[in-house]
N, C-alpha and C. Protein backbone atom coordinates (compact mmCIF):
# COMPACT_ATOMS: atom_id res chain seq x y z
N LYS A 1 12.69 -49.03 14.00
CA LYS A 1 12.86 -49.80 12.75
C LYS A 1 12.14 -50.62 13.00
N SER A 2 11.29 -51.19 12.22
CA SER A 2 10.62 -52.40 12.13
C SER A 2 11.65 -53.75 11.61
N VAL A 3 11.27 -54.98 12.34
CA VAL A 3 11.84 -55.97 12.28
C VAL A 3 11.04 -57.43 11.66
N LYS A 4 11.68 -57.97 10.63
CA LYS A 4 10.46 -59.28 10.32
C LYS A 4 9.73 -59.75 11.10
N ASN A 5 8.62 -60.12 11.14
CA ASN A 5 8.06 -61.37 11.86
C ASN A 5 8.03 -60.31 13.37
N SER A 6 8.10 -59.53 13.50
CA SER A 6 8.11 -58.77 14.97
C SER A 6 6.83 -57.83 14.99
N PRO A 7 5.99 -57.91 15.75
CA PRO A 7 4.90 -56.94 15.87
C PRO A 7 5.99 -55.00 16.43
N ASN A 8 6.83 -55.62 16.93
CA ASN A 8 7.34 -54.23 17.82
C ASN A 8 8.68 -53.72 17.05
N PRO A 9 8.70 -52.49 16.95
CA PRO A 9 9.90 -51.86 16.58
C PRO A 9 10.91 -52.58 17.35
N ARG A 10 11.97 -52.07 16.47
CA ARG A 10 13.09 -52.10 17.40
C ARG A 10 14.11 -50.71 17.48
N ASN A 11 14.83 -49.93 18.67
CA ASN A 11 15.39 -49.15 18.63
C ASN A 11 16.82 -49.28 19.02
N TYR A 12 17.67 -48.14 18.36
CA TYR A 12 18.76 -48.31 18.19
C TYR A 12 19.59 -46.84 19.26
N TYR A 13 20.79 -46.99 19.89
CA TYR A 13 20.82 -45.74 20.22
C TYR A 13 22.27 -46.01 20.47
N ARG A 14 23.09 -44.59 20.18
CA ARG A 14 24.29 -44.91 19.93
C ARG A 14 25.03 -43.55 21.16
N CYS A 15 26.24 -43.70 21.45
CA CYS A 15 27.13 -42.80 22.52
C CYS A 15 26.93 -41.44 21.84
N SER A 16 26.71 -39.93 22.19
CA SER A 16 27.03 -38.51 21.64
C SER A 16 28.15 -38.42 21.86
N SER A 17 29.31 -39.06 22.64
CA SER A 17 30.14 -38.40 23.21
C SER A 17 31.41 -38.24 22.34
N GLU A 18 32.20 -37.61 21.94
CA GLU A 18 33.57 -37.59 20.89
C GLU A 18 34.43 -39.01 21.30
N GLY A 19 34.44 -39.92 20.28
CA GLY A 19 35.19 -41.26 20.59
C GLY A 19 34.80 -42.16 21.26
N CYS A 20 33.09 -42.05 21.40
CA CYS A 20 32.71 -42.78 22.17
C CYS A 20 32.13 -43.85 20.92
N SER A 21 32.48 -45.28 21.06
CA SER A 21 31.75 -46.15 19.85
C SER A 21 30.89 -47.20 20.56
N VAL A 22 29.98 -46.68 21.75
CA VAL A 22 28.67 -47.97 22.45
C VAL A 22 27.54 -47.75 21.56
N LYS A 23 27.45 -48.72 21.18
CA LYS A 23 25.81 -48.82 20.77
C LYS A 23 25.15 -49.44 21.37
N LYS A 24 23.62 -49.36 21.07
CA LYS A 24 22.98 -50.51 22.27
C LYS A 24 21.71 -50.40 21.21
N ARG A 25 20.99 -51.60 21.20
CA ARG A 25 19.72 -52.32 20.38
C ARG A 25 18.94 -52.83 21.36
N VAL A 26 17.32 -51.91 21.60
CA VAL A 26 16.30 -52.34 22.37
C VAL A 26 15.25 -52.98 21.83
N GLU A 27 14.30 -54.06 21.70
CA GLU A 27 13.16 -53.98 21.36
C GLU A 27 12.77 -54.80 22.58
N ARG A 28 11.10 -55.01 22.49
CA ARG A 28 10.06 -55.17 23.19
C ARG A 28 9.93 -57.12 23.00
N ASP A 29 10.01 -58.05 24.20
CA ASP A 29 9.70 -59.17 23.78
C ASP A 29 8.46 -59.77 22.88
N PRO A 30 8.38 -60.10 21.77
CA PRO A 30 7.34 -60.50 21.11
C PRO A 30 6.10 -60.97 21.62
N GLN A 31 6.19 -62.09 22.62
CA GLN A 31 5.51 -62.73 22.79
C GLN A 31 4.62 -61.81 24.64
N ASP A 32 5.24 -61.24 24.88
CA ASP A 32 5.23 -59.92 26.33
C ASP A 32 5.83 -58.67 26.02
N SER A 33 4.70 -57.89 25.72
CA SER A 33 5.39 -56.77 25.48
C SER A 33 5.88 -55.88 26.51
N ASP A 34 5.58 -56.43 27.61
CA ASP A 34 6.03 -55.53 28.80
C ASP A 34 7.41 -55.77 29.15
N TYR A 35 7.90 -56.83 28.47
CA TYR A 35 9.34 -57.21 28.51
C TYR A 35 10.35 -55.99 27.59
N VAL A 36 11.21 -55.73 28.01
CA VAL A 36 12.03 -55.05 26.99
C VAL A 36 13.40 -56.11 26.95
N ILE A 37 13.83 -56.34 25.77
CA ILE A 37 15.31 -57.05 25.53
C ILE A 37 16.23 -56.16 24.99
N THR A 38 17.81 -56.04 25.88
CA THR A 38 18.48 -55.21 25.60
C THR A 38 19.78 -55.56 24.63
């Protein structure tokens, strides 16, 4: 998903097991795309 003022897209992950409500958001650092922010 595109984010305002960020050259890198943001990805969303959700647990697929029944009853699991865990979610994770992942995007690359805007200054250094080698780093991933979770």
